[in-house]
Amino acid sequence: MSITKLHVKKGDTVLVLSGKDKGKQGKVIQALPKKNKVVVEGVNKVKRHTKPNQSAPQGGILVKEAPMFAAKVMLVCPACGKATRIAHKDVNGKSVRACKKCGEVIDQTK
């Protein structure tokens, strides 16, 4: 199984393109490149029935975000606020991500 490079990183704001949460925006909590999936805050919520244990002495039903395919999300540019694809620019000899629509560099230091 080969690891593919994801177009989004942890901390990016993304727009959901398809599925039950289509049109919702959220922050990427976790990127899973081996599975080609991402976990987005407040999106793709599922219910887990848990038995009582040390961490959850009450047990019951937990609601949490499940991973979704990375192809179902699109990066939202922090500068122009639109969903966009990623361009690569050379800045000071380093390849950085940039917005295809406005050309602004997408800063990862958040």
PDB file of N, CA and C in Angstrom:
ATOM      1  N   MET A   1       0.849  -1.186   0.000  1.00  0.00           N
ATOM      2  CA  MET A   1       0.000   0.000   0.000  1.00  0.00           C
ATOM      3  C   MET A   1       0.887   1.239   0.000  1.00  0.00           C
ATOM      4  N   SER A   2       0.696   2.095  -0.982  1.00  0.00           N
ATOM      5  CA  SER A   2       1.532   3.287  -1.071  1.00  0.00           C
ATOM      6  C   SER A   2       0.879   4.463  -0.352  1.00  0.00           C
ATOM      7  N   ILE A   3       1.719   5.296   0.221  1.00  0.00           N
ATOM      8  CA  ILE A   3       1.225   6.474   0.927  1.00  0.00           C
ATOM      9  C   ILE A   3       1.138   7.620  -0.073  1.00  0.00           C
ATOM     10  N   THR A   4      -0.064   8.196  -0.226  1.00  0.00           N
ATOM     11  CA  THR A   4      -0.242   9.335  -1.114  1.00  0.00           C
ATOM     12  C   THR A   4      -0.149  10.618  -0.314  1.00  0.00           C
ATOM     13  N   LYS A   5       0.339  11.663  -0.944  1.00  0.00           N
ATOM     14  CA  LYS A   5       0.441  12.951  -0.270  1.00  0.00           C
ATOM     15  C   LYS A   5      -0.926  13.629  -0.329  1.00  0.00           C
ATOM     16  N   LEU A   6      -1.390  14.083   0.824  1.00  0.00           N
ATOM     17  CA  LEU A   6      -2.686  14.751   0.886  1.00  0.00           C
ATOM     18  C   LEU A   6      -2.555  16.216   0.494  1.00  0.00           C
ATOM     19  N   HIS A   7      -3.624  16.784  -0.064  1.00  0.00           N
ATOM     20  CA  HIS A   7      -3.629  18.185  -0.455  1.00  0.00           C
ATOM     21  C   HIS A   7      -3.984  19.109   0.699  1.00  0.00           C
ATOM     22  N   VAL A   8      -4.387  18.544   1.835  1.00  0.00           N
ATOM     23  CA  VAL A   8      -4.687  19.340   3.031  1.00  0.00           C
ATOM     24  C   VAL A   8      -3.834  18.852   4.192  1.00  0.00           C
ATOM     25  N   LYS A   9      -3.610  19.733   5.151  1.00  0.00           N
ATOM     26  CA  LYS A   9      -2.808  19.404   6.325  1.00  0.00           C
ATOM     27  C   LYS A   9      -3.625  19.663   7.581  1.00  0.00           C
ATOM     28  N   LYS A  10      -3.120  19.177   8.697  1.00  0.00           N
ATOM     29  CA  LYS A  10      -3.754  19.418   9.990  1.00  0.00           C
ATOM     30  C   LYS A  10      -3.789  20.920  10.238  1.00  0.00           C
ATOM     31  N   GLY A  11      -4.943  21.448  10.640  1.00  0.00           N
ATOM     32  CA  GLY A  11      -5.085  22.874  10.915  1.00  0.00           C
ATOM     33  C   GLY A  11      -5.700  23.666   9.776  1.00  0.00           C
ATOM     34  N   ASP A  12      -5.789  23.078   8.579  1.00  0.00           N
ATOM     35  CA  ASP A  12      -6.399  23.765   7.433  1.00  0.00           C
ATOM     36  C   ASP A  12      -7.916  23.837   7.605  1.00  0.00           C
ATOM     37  N   THR A  13      -8.521  24.907   7.083  1.00  0.00           N
ATOM     38  CA  THR A  13      -9.973  25.005   7.025  1.00  0.00           C
ATOM     39  C   THR A  13     -10.405  24.451   5.675  1.00  0.00           C
ATOM     40  N   VAL A  14     -11.382  23.542   5.697  1.00  0.00           N
ATOM     41  CA  VAL A  14     -11.811  22.886   4.459  1.00  0.00           C
ATOM     42  C   VAL A  14     -13.322  22.975   4.293  1.00  0.00           C
ATOM     43  N   LEU A  15     -13.771  22.810   3.042  1.00  0.00           N
ATOM     44  CA  LEU A  15     -15.181  22.783   2.680  1.00  0.00           C
ATOM     45  C   LEU A  15     -15.509  21.367   2.231  1.00  0.00           C
ATOM     46  N   VAL A  16     -16.609  20.799   2.735  1.00  0.00           N
ATOM     47  CA  VAL A  16     -17.020  19.443   2.357  1.00  0.00           C
ATOM     48  C   VAL A  16     -17.768  19.529   1.029  1.00  0.00           C
ATOM     49  N   LEU A  17     -17.328  18.730   0.042  1.00  0.00           N
ATOM     50  CA  LEU A  17     -17.888  18.788  -1.302  1.00  0.00           C
ATOM     51  C   LEU A  17     -19.062  17.840  -1.523  1.00  0.00           C
ATOM     52  N   SER A  18     -19.091  16.712  -0.804  1.00  0.00           N
ATOM     53  CA  SER A  18     -20.166  15.744  -1.037  1.00  0.00           C
ATOM     54  C   SER A  18     -20.489  14.984   0.235  1.00  0.00           C
ATOM     55  N   GLY A  19     -21.627  14.326   0.223  1.00  0.00           N
ATOM     56  CA  GLY A  19     -22.054  13.529   1.364  1.00  0.00           C
ATOM     57  C   GLY A  19     -23.108  14.234   2.189  1.00  0.00           C
ATOM     58  N   LYS A  20     -23.395  13.669   3.374  1.00  0.00           N
ATOM     59  CA  LYS A  20     -24.465  14.203   4.219  1.00  0.00           C
ATOM     60  C   LYS A  20     -24.142  15.582   4.786  1.00  0.00           C
ATOM     61  N   ASP A  21     -22.860  15.944   4.850  1.00  0.00           N
ATOM     62  CA  ASP A  21     -22.444  17.243   5.387  1.00  0.00           C
ATOM     63  C   ASP A  21     -21.982  18.199   4.299  1.00  0.00           C
ATOM     64  N   LYS A  22     -22.468  18.027   3.075  1.00  0.00           N
ATOM     65  CA  LYS A  22     -22.073  18.866   1.946  1.00  0.00           C
ATOM     66  C   LYS A  22     -22.311  20.345   2.253  1.00  0.00           C
ATOM     67  N   GLY A  23     -21.302  21.180   1.985  1.00  0.00           N
ATOM     68  CA  GLY A  23     -21.417  22.619   2.196  1.00  0.00           C
ATOM     69  C   GLY A  23     -20.905  23.089   3.542  1.00  0.00           C
ATOM     70  N   LYS A  24     -20.647  22.172   4.472  1.00  0.00           N
ATOM     71  CA  LYS A  24     -20.147  22.565   5.795  1.00  0.00           C
ATOM     72  C   LYS A  24     -18.651  22.835   5.744  1.00  0.00           C
ATOM     73  N   GLN A  25     -18.220  23.755   6.602  1.00  0.00           N
ATOM     74  CA  GLN A  25     -16.798  24.050   6.728  1.00  0.00           C
ATOM     75  C   GLN A  25     -16.317  23.610   8.097  1.00  0.00           C
ATOM     76  N   GLY A  26     -15.052  23.232   8.165  1.00  0.00           N
ATOM     77  CA  GLY A  26     -14.470  22.820   9.434  1.00  0.00           C
ATOM     78  C   GLY A  26     -12.968  22.764   9.345  1.00  0.00           C
ATOM     79  N   LYS A  27     -12.356  22.594  10.495  1.00  0.00           N
ATOM     80  CA  LYS A  27     -10.907  22.538  10.582  1.00  0.00           C
ATOM     81  C   LYS A  27     -10.447  21.083  10.578  1.00  0.00           C
ATOM     82  N   VAL A  28      -9.346  20.790   9.882  1.00  0.00           N
ATOM     83  CA  VAL A  28      -8.815  19.434   9.855  1.00  0.00           C
ATOM     84  C   VAL A  28      -8.156  19.146  11.202  1.00  0.00           C
ATOM     85  N   ILE A  29      -8.697  18.158  11.931  1.00  0.00           N
ATOM     86  CA  ILE A  29      -8.169  17.771  13.237  1.00  0.00           C
ATOM     87  C   ILE A  29      -7.015  16.792  13.065  1.00  0.00           C
ATOM     88  N   GLN A  30      -7.166  15.883  12.087  1.00  0.00           N
ATOM     89  CA  GLN A  30      -6.194  14.823  11.900  1.00  0.00           C
ATOM     90  C   GLN A  30      -6.125  14.458  10.419  1.00  0.00           C
ATOM     91  N   ALA A  31      -4.914  14.248   9.906  1.00  0.00           N
ATOM     92  CA  ALA A  31      -4.717  13.789   8.536  1.00  0.00           C
ATOM     93  C   ALA A  31      -4.176  12.362   8.587  1.00  0.00           C
ATOM     94  N   LEU A  32      -4.779  11.485   7.805  1.00  0.00           N
ATOM     95  CA  LEU A  32      -4.373  10.075   7.774  1.00  0.00           C
ATOM     96  C   LEU A  32      -3.932   9.712   6.352  1.00  0.00           C
ATOM     97  N   PRO A  33      -2.664  10.028   5.987  1.00  0.00           N
ATOM     98  CA  PRO A  33      -2.213   9.806   4.609  1.00  0.00           C
ATOM     99  C   PRO A  33      -2.172   8.334   4.186  1.00  0.00           C
ATOM    100  N   LYS A  34      -1.952   7.409   5.117  1.00  0.00           N
ATOM    101  CA  LYS A  34      -1.921   5.980   4.763  1.00  0.00           C
ATOM    102  C   LYS A  34      -3.285   5.497   4.291  1.00  0.00           C
ATOM    103  N   LYS A  35      -4.347   6.066   4.848  1.00  0.00           N
ATOM    104  CA  LYS A  35      -5.711   5.689   4.471  1.00  0.00           C
ATOM    105  C   LYS A  35      -6.323   6.677   3.486  1.00  0.00           C
ATOM    106  N   ASN A  36      -5.606   7.756   3.158  1.00  0.00           N
ATOM    107  CA  ASN A  36      -6.081   8.827   2.279  1.00  0.00           C
ATOM    108  C   ASN A  36      -7.365   9.457   2.836  1.00  0.00           C
ATOM    109  N   LYS A  37      -7.388   9.671   4.167  1.00  0.00           N
ATOM    110  CA  LYS A  37      -8.565  10.227   4.838  1.00  0.00           C
ATOM    111  C   LYS A  37      -8.167  11.386   5.746  1.00  0.00           C
ATOM    112  N   VAL A  38      -9.166  12.201   6.109  1.00  0.00           N
ATOM    113  CA  VAL A  38      -8.984  13.298   7.054  1.00  0.00           C
ATOM    114  C   VAL A  38     -10.143  13.297   8.047  1.00  0.00           C
ATOM    115  N   VAL A  39      -9.891  13.827   9.246  1.00  0.00           N
ATOM    116  CA  VAL A  39     -10.936  13.995  10.243  1.00  0.00           C
ATOM    117  C   VAL A  39     -11.181  15.493  10.358  1.00  0.00           C
ATOM    118  N   VAL A  40     -12.425  15.911  10.127  1.00  0.00           N
ATOM    119  CA  VAL A  40     -12.778  17.333  10.124  1.00  0.00           C
ATOM    120  C   VAL A  40     -13.673  17.635  11.314  1.00  0.00           C
ATOM    121  N   GLU A  41     -13.368  18.740  11.996  1.00  0.00           N
ATOM    122  CA  GLU A  41     -14.090  19.155  13.197  1.00  0.00           C
ATOM    123  C   GLU A  41     -15.560  19.462  12.880  1.00  0.00           C
ATOM    124  N   GLY A  42     -16.482  18.792  13.588  1.00  0.00           N
ATOM    125  CA  GLY A  42     -17.912  19.052  13.442  1.00  0.00           C
ATOM    126  C   GLY A  42     -18.562  18.444  12.212  1.00  0.00           C
ATOM    127  N   VAL A  43     -17.838  17.599  11.483  1.00  0.00           N
ATOM    128  CA  VAL A  43     -18.344  17.020  10.246  1.00  0.00           C
ATOM    129  C   VAL A  43     -18.252  15.494  10.326  1.00  0.00           C
ATOM    130  N   ASN A  44     -19.190  14.791   9.690  1.00  0.00           N
ATOM    131  CA  ASN A  44     -19.211  13.325   9.640  1.00  0.00           C
ATOM    132  C   ASN A  44     -19.280  12.728  11.048  1.00  0.00           C
ATOM    133  N   LYS A  45     -20.214  13.222  11.837  1.00  0.00           N
ATOM    134  CA  LYS A  45     -20.377  12.751  13.221  1.00  0.00           C
ATOM    135  C   LYS A  45     -21.037  11.370  13.229  1.00  0.00           C
ATOM    136  N   VAL A  46     -20.514  10.485  14.082  1.00  0.00           N
ATOM    137  CA  VAL A  46     -21.062   9.150  14.247  1.00  0.00           C
ATOM    138  C   VAL A  46     -21.262   8.869  15.733  1.00  0.00           C
ATOM    139  N   LYS A  47     -22.158   7.917  16.023  1.00  0.00           N
ATOM    140  CA  LYS A  47     -22.420   7.547  17.413  1.00  0.00           C
ATOM    141  C   LYS A  47     -21.749   6.217  17.716  1.00  0.00           C
ATOM    142  N   ARG A  48     -21.058   6.155  18.852  1.00  0.00           N
ATOM    143  CA  ARG A  48     -20.399   4.940  19.299  1.00  0.00           C
ATOM    144  C   ARG A  48     -20.996   4.518  20.634  1.00  0.00           C
ATOM    145  N   HIS A  49     -21.479   3.296  20.711  1.00  0.00           N
ATOM    146  CA  HIS A  49     -22.022   2.773  21.955  1.00  0.00           C
ATOM    147  C   HIS A  49     -20.880   2.142  22.735  1.00  0.00           C
ATOM    148  N   THR A  50     -20.612   2.652  23.935  1.00  0.00           N
ATOM    149  CA  THR A  50     -19.469   2.169  24.709  1.00  0.00           C
ATOM    150  C   THR A  50     -19.906   1.563  26.031  1.00  0.00           C
ATOM    151  N   LYS A  51     -19.173   0.529  26.424  1.00  0.00           N
ATOM    152  CA  LYS A  51     -19.392  -0.078  27.733  1.00  0.00           C
ATOM    153  C   LYS A  51     -18.686   0.772  28.775  1.00  0.00           C
ATOM    154  N   PRO A  52     -19.116   0.712  30.015  1.00  0.00           N
ATOM    155  CA  PRO A  52     -18.391   1.442  31.074  1.00  0.00           C
ATOM    156  C   PRO A  52     -16.956   0.924  31.202  1.00  0.00           C
ATOM    157  N   ASN A  53     -16.006   1.870  31.318  1.00  0.00           N
ATOM    158  CA  ASN A  53     -14.593   1.517  31.508  1.00  0.00           C
ATOM    159  C   ASN A  53     -13.913   2.594  32.352  1.00  0.00           C
ATOM    160  N   GLN A  54     -12.602   2.516  32.489  1.00  0.00           N
ATOM    161  CA  GLN A  54     -11.862   3.473  33.325  1.00  0.00           C
ATOM    162  C   GLN A  54     -12.027   4.913  32.830  1.00  0.00           C
ATOM    163  N   SER A  55     -11.900   5.121  31.512  1.00  0.00           N
ATOM    164  CA  SER A  55     -11.976   6.488  30.985  1.00  0.00           C
ATOM    165  C   SER A  55     -13.410   7.023  30.944  1.00  0.00           C
ATOM    166  N   ALA A  56     -14.385   6.147  30.727  1.00  0.00           N
ATOM    167  CA  ALA A  56     -15.795   6.552  30.714  1.00  0.00           C
ATOM    168  C   ALA A  56     -16.565   5.639  31.668  1.00  0.00           C
ATOM    169  N   PRO A  57     -16.565   5.946  32.993  1.00  0.00           N
ATOM    170  CA  PRO A  57     -17.204   5.054  33.958  1.00  0.00           C
ATOM    171  C   PRO A  57     -18.716   4.911  33.746  1.00  0.00           C
ATOM    172  N   GLN A  58     -19.342   5.900  33.154  1.00  0.00           N
ATOM    173  CA  GLN A  58     -20.787   5.866  32.908  1.00  0.00           C
ATOM    174  C   GLN A  58     -21.123   4.997  31.694  1.00  0.00           C
ATOM    175  N   GLY A  59     -20.221   5.007  30.673  1.00  0.00           N
ATOM    176  CA  GLY A  59     -20.534   4.308  29.426  1.00  0.00           C
ATOM    177  C   GLY A  59     -21.528   5.130  28.627  1.00  0.00           C
ATOM    178  N   GLY A  60     -22.286   4.503  27.748  1.00  0.00           N
ATOM    179  CA  GLY A  60     -23.329   5.198  27.002  1.00  0.00           C
ATOM    180  C   GLY A  60     -22.965   5.442  25.550  1.00  0.00           C
ATOM    181  N   ILE A  61     -23.584   6.455  24.969  1.00  0.00           N
ATOM    182  CA  ILE A  61     -23.404   6.762  23.551  1.00  0.00           C
ATOM    183  C   ILE A  61     -22.508   7.987  23.412  1.00  0.00           C
ATOM    184  N   LEU A  62     -21.382   7.812  22.714  1.00  0.00           N
ATOM    185  CA  LEU A  62     -20.460   8.911  22.445  1.00  0.00           C
ATOM    186  C   LEU A  62     -20.657   9.387  21.012  1.00  0.00           C
ATOM    187  N   VAL A  63     -20.646  10.689  20.795  1.00  0.00           N
ATOM    188  CA  VAL A  63     -20.739  11.253  19.448  1.00  0.00           C
ATOM    189  C   VAL A  63     -19.374  11.837  19.111  1.00  0.00           C
ATOM    190  N   LYS A  64     -18.784  11.364  17.996  1.00  0.00           N
ATOM    191  CA  LYS A  64     -17.465  11.860  17.604  1.00  0.00           C
ATOM    192  C   LYS A  64     -17.356  11.933  16.087  1.00  0.00           C
ATOM    193  N   GLU A  65     -16.300  12.605  15.614  1.00  0.00           N
ATOM    194  CA  GLU A  65     -16.068  12.743  14.181  1.00  0.00           C
ATOM    195  C   GLU A  65     -15.369  11.496  13.654  1.00  0.00           C
ATOM    196  N   ALA A  66     -15.810  11.017  12.498  1.00  0.00           N
ATOM    197  CA  ALA A  66     -15.187   9.865  11.859  1.00  0.00           C
ATOM    198  C   ALA A  66     -14.354  10.348  10.667  1.00  0.00           C
ATOM    199  N   PRO A  67     -13.343   9.570  10.282  1.00  0.00           N
ATOM    200  CA  PRO A  67     -12.550   9.954   9.099  1.00  0.00           C
ATOM    201  C   PRO A  67     -13.395   9.928   7.838  1.00  0.00           C
ATOM    202  N   MET A  68     -13.067  10.829   6.903  1.00  0.00           N
ATOM    203  CA  MET A  68     -13.732  10.841   5.602  1.00  0.00           C
ATOM    204  C   MET A  68     -12.671  10.952   4.511  1.00  0.00           C
ATOM    205  N   PHE A  69     -12.990  10.557   3.303  1.00  0.00           N
ATOM    206  CA  PHE A  69     -12.018  10.581   2.225  1.00  0.00           C
ATOM    207  C   PHE A  69     -11.552  12.008   1.950  1.00  0.00           C
ATOM    208  N   ALA A  70     -10.267  12.156   1.738  1.00  0.00           N
ATOM    209  CA  ALA A  70      -9.666  13.473   1.511  1.00  0.00           C
ATOM    210  C   ALA A  70     -10.179  14.107   0.217  1.00  0.00           C
ATOM    211  N   ALA A  71     -10.595  13.292  -0.736  1.00  0.00           N
ATOM    212  CA  ALA A  71     -11.101  13.811  -2.007  1.00  0.00           C
ATOM    213  C   ALA A  71     -12.446  14.524  -1.846  1.00  0.00           C
ATOM    214  N   LYS A  72     -13.132  14.291  -0.725  1.00  0.00           N
ATOM    215  CA  LYS A  72     -14.434  14.925  -0.480  1.00  0.00           C
ATOM    216  C   LYS A  72     -14.315  16.324   0.098  1.00  0.00           C
ATOM    217  N   VAL A  73     -13.081  16.784   0.386  1.00  0.00           N
ATOM    218  CA  VAL A  73     -12.900  18.112   0.964  1.00  0.00           C
ATOM    219  C   VAL A  73     -12.012  18.972   0.074  1.00  0.00           C
ATOM    220  N   MET A  74     -12.233  20.280   0.153  1.00  0.00           N
ATOM    221  CA  MET A  74     -11.438  21.235  -0.616  1.00  0.00           C
ATOM    222  C   MET A  74     -10.965  22.345   0.310  1.00  0.00           C
ATOM    223  N   LEU A  75      -9.730  22.726   0.175  1.00  0.00           N
ATOM    224  CA  LEU A  75      -9.129  23.747   1.017  1.00  0.00           C
ATOM    225  C   LEU A  75      -9.819  25.099   0.828  1.00  0.00           C
ATOM    226  N   VAL A  76     -10.039  25.817   1.932  1.00  0.00           N
ATOM    227  CA  VAL A  76     -10.586  27.173   1.873  1.00  0.00           C
ATOM    228  C   VAL A  76      -9.426  28.135   2.091  1.00  0.00           C
ATOM    229  N   CYS A  77      -9.234  29.051   1.148  1.00  0.00           N
ATOM    230  CA  CYS A  77      -8.129  30.013   1.221  1.00  0.00           C
ATOM    231  C   CYS A  77      -8.373  30.986   2.372  1.00  0.00           C
ATOM    232  N   PRO A  78      -7.393  31.164   3.270  1.00  0.00           N
ATOM    233  CA  PRO A  78      -7.585  32.103   4.376  1.00  0.00           C
ATOM    234  C   PRO A  78      -7.620  33.573   3.924  1.00  0.00           C
ATOM    235  N   ALA A  79      -7.043  33.865   2.765  1.00  0.00           N
ATOM    236  CA  ALA A  79      -6.998  35.245   2.281  1.00  0.00           C
ATOM    237  C   ALA A  79      -8.308  35.659   1.611  1.00  0.00           C
ATOM    238  N   CYS A  80      -8.770  34.858   0.625  1.00  0.00           N
ATOM    239  CA  CYS A  80      -9.980  35.252  -0.116  1.00  0.00           C
ATOM    240  C   CYS A  80     -11.246  34.563   0.400  1.00  0.00           C
ATOM    241  N   GLY A  81     -11.114  33.517   1.211  1.00  0.00           N
ATOM    242  CA  GLY A  81     -12.257  32.852   1.810  1.00  0.00           C
ATOM    243  C   GLY A  81     -13.022  31.937   0.881  1.00  0.00           C
ATOM    244  N   LYS A  82     -12.437  31.602  -0.283  1.00  0.00           N
ATOM    245  CA  LYS A  82     -13.102  30.729  -1.247  1.00  0.00           C
ATOM    246  C   LYS A  82     -12.456  29.349  -1.252  1.00  0.00           C
ATOM    247  N   ALA A  83     -13.249  28.332  -1.604  1.00  0.00           N
ATOM    248  CA  ALA A  83     -12.704  26.984  -1.762  1.00  0.00           C
ATOM    249  C   ALA A  83     -11.836  26.979  -3.017  1.00  0.00           C
ATOM    250  N   THR A  84     -10.636  26.418  -2.902  1.00  0.00           N
ATOM    251  CA  THR A  84      -9.685  26.499  -4.000  1.00  0.00           C
ATOM    252  C   THR A  84      -8.804  25.271  -4.092  1.00  0.00           C
ATOM    253  N   ARG A  85      -8.214  25.081  -5.259  1.00  0.00           N
ATOM    254  CA  ARG A  85      -7.185  24.066  -5.414  1.00  0.00           C
ATOM    255  C   ARG A  85      -5.850  24.697  -5.006  1.00  0.00           C
ATOM    256  N   ILE A  86      -4.814  23.885  -4.962  1.00  0.00           N
ATOM    257  CA  ILE A  86      -3.528  24.368  -4.484  1.00  0.00           C
ATOM    258  C   ILE A  86      -2.539  24.491  -5.628  1.00  0.00           C
ATOM    259  N   ALA A  87      -1.878  25.630  -5.683  1.00  0.00           N
ATOM    260  CA  ALA A  87      -0.766  25.840  -6.609  1.00  0.00           C
ATOM    261  C   ALA A  87       0.515  25.787  -5.793  1.00  0.00           C
ATOM    262  N   HIS A  88       1.631  25.522  -6.438  1.00  0.00           N
ATOM    263  CA  HIS A  88       2.916  25.512  -5.739  1.00  0.00           C
ATOM    264  C   HIS A  88       3.783  26.631  -6.293  1.00  0.00           C
ATOM    265  N   LYS A  89       4.316  27.461  -5.396  1.00  0.00           N
ATOM    266  CA  LYS A  89       5.175  28.582  -5.773  1.00  0.00           C
ATOM    267  C   LYS A  89       6.529  28.409  -5.107  1.00  0.00           C
ATOM    268  N   ASP A  90       7.550  28.974  -5.719  1.00  0.00           N
ATOM    269  CA  ASP A  90       8.878  28.987  -5.105  1.00  0.00           C
ATOM    270  C   ASP A  90       9.086  30.329  -4.418  1.00  0.00           C
ATOM    271  N   VAL A  91       9.277  30.296  -3.098  1.00  0.00           N
ATOM    272  CA  VAL A  91       9.547  31.493  -2.321  1.00  0.00           C
ATOM    273  C   VAL A  91      10.848  31.255  -1.564  1.00  0.00           C
ATOM    274  N   ASN A  92      11.861  32.074  -1.866  1.00  0.00           N
ATOM    275  CA  ASN A  92      13.186  31.940  -1.252  1.00  0.00           C
ATOM    276  C   ASN A  92      13.756  30.528  -1.428  1.00  0.00           C
ATOM    277  N   GLY A  93      13.541  29.939  -2.608  1.00  0.00           N
ATOM    278  CA  GLY A  93      14.065  28.608  -2.888  1.00  0.00           C
ATOM    279  C   GLY A  93      13.293  27.478  -2.256  1.00  0.00           C
ATOM    280  N   LYS A  94      12.153  27.781  -1.644  1.00  0.00           N
ATOM    281  CA  LYS A  94      11.324  26.773  -1.000  1.00  0.00           C
ATOM    282  C   LYS A  94       9.982  26.698  -1.712  1.00  0.00           C
ATOM    283  N   SER A  95       9.477  25.480  -1.918  1.00  0.00           N
ATOM    284  CA  SER A  95       8.177  25.305  -2.545  1.00  0.00           C
ATOM    285  C   SER A  95       7.094  25.458  -1.478  1.00  0.00           C
ATOM    286  N   VAL A  96       6.169  26.407  -1.677  1.00  0.00           N
ATOM    287  CA  VAL A  96       5.093  26.653  -0.720  1.00  0.00           C
ATOM    288  C   VAL A  96       3.745  26.516  -1.425  1.00  0.00           C
ATOM    289  N   ARG A  97       2.691  26.276  -0.628  1.00  0.00           N
ATOM    290  CA  ARG A  97       1.336  26.175  -1.167  1.00  0.00           C
ATOM    291  C   ARG A  97       0.769  27.571  -1.402  1.00  0.00           C
ATOM    292  N   ALA A  98       0.015  27.712  -2.494  1.00  0.00           N
ATOM    293  CA  ALA A  98      -0.604  28.998  -2.819  1.00  0.00           C
ATOM    294  C   ALA A  98      -2.015  28.760  -3.335  1.00  0.00           C
ATOM    295  N   CYS A  99      -2.853  29.790  -3.221  1.00  0.00           N
ATOM    296  CA  CYS A  99      -4.237  29.740  -3.687  1.00  0.00           C
ATOM    297  C   CYS A  99      -4.267  29.883  -5.206  1.00  0.00           C
ATOM    298  N   LYS A 100      -5.034  29.029  -5.889  1.00  0.00           N
ATOM    299  CA  LYS A 100      -5.155  29.115  -7.348  1.00  0.00           C
ATOM    300  C   LYS A 100      -5.986  30.326  -7.768  1.00  0.00           C
ATOM    301  N   LYS A 101      -6.894  30.789  -6.891  1.00  0.00           N
ATOM    302  CA  LYS A 101      -7.795  31.870  -7.266  1.00  0.00           C
ATOM    303  C   LYS A 101      -7.183  33.254  -7.061  1.00  0.00           C
ATOM    304  N   CYS A 102      -6.587  33.494  -5.868  1.00  0.00           N
ATOM    305  CA  CYS A 102      -6.054  34.831  -5.592  1.00  0.00           C
ATOM    306  C   CYS A 102      -4.523  34.878  -5.649  1.00  0.00           C
ATOM    307  N   GLY A 103      -3.862  33.719  -5.673  1.00  0.00           N
ATOM    308  CA  GLY A 103      -2.409  33.671  -5.766  1.00  0.00           C
ATOM    309  C   GLY A 103      -1.685  33.884  -4.448  1.00  0.00           C
ATOM    310  N   GLU A 104      -2.433  34.062  -3.359  1.00  0.00           N
ATOM    311  CA  GLU A 104      -1.841  34.318  -2.046  1.00  0.00           C
ATOM    312  C   GLU A 104      -1.224  33.043  -1.483  1.00  0.00           C
ATOM    313  N   VAL A 105      -0.080  33.195  -0.816  1.00  0.00           N
ATOM    314  CA  VAL A 105       0.586  32.049  -0.200  1.00  0.00           C
ATOM    315  C   VAL A 105      -0.222  31.598   1.019  1.00  0.00           C
ATOM    316  N   ILE A 106      -0.456  30.278   1.124  1.00  0.00           N
ATOM    317  CA  ILE A 106      -1.187  29.709   2.255  1.00  0.00           C
ATOM    318  C   ILE A 106      -0.179  29.376   3.331  1.00  0.00           C
ATOM    319  N   ASP A 107      -0.250  30.120   4.414  1.00  0.00           N
ATOM    320  CA  ASP A 107       0.724  29.964   5.498  1.00  0.00           C
ATOM    321  C   ASP A 107       0.323  28.811   6.391  1.00  0.00           C
ATOM    322  N   GLN A 108       1.248  27.909   6.692  1.00  0.00           N
ATOM    323  CA  GLN A 108       0.941  26.756   7.529  1.00  0.00           C
ATOM    324  C   GLN A 108       1.265  27.009   8.985  1.00  0.00           C
ATOM    325  N   THR A 109       2.007  28.067   9.314  1.00  0.00           N
ATOM    326  CA  THR A 109       2.358  28.339  10.704  1.00  0.00           C
ATOM    327  C   THR A 109       1.175  28.971  11.402  1.00  0.00           C
ATOM    328  N   LYS A 110       0.335  28.130  12.021  1.00  0.00           N
ATOM    329  CA  LYS A 110      -0.881  28.623  12.681  1.00  0.00           C
ATOM    330  C   LYS A 110      -0.757  28.537  14.165  1.00  0.00           C
TER     331      LYS A 110
END
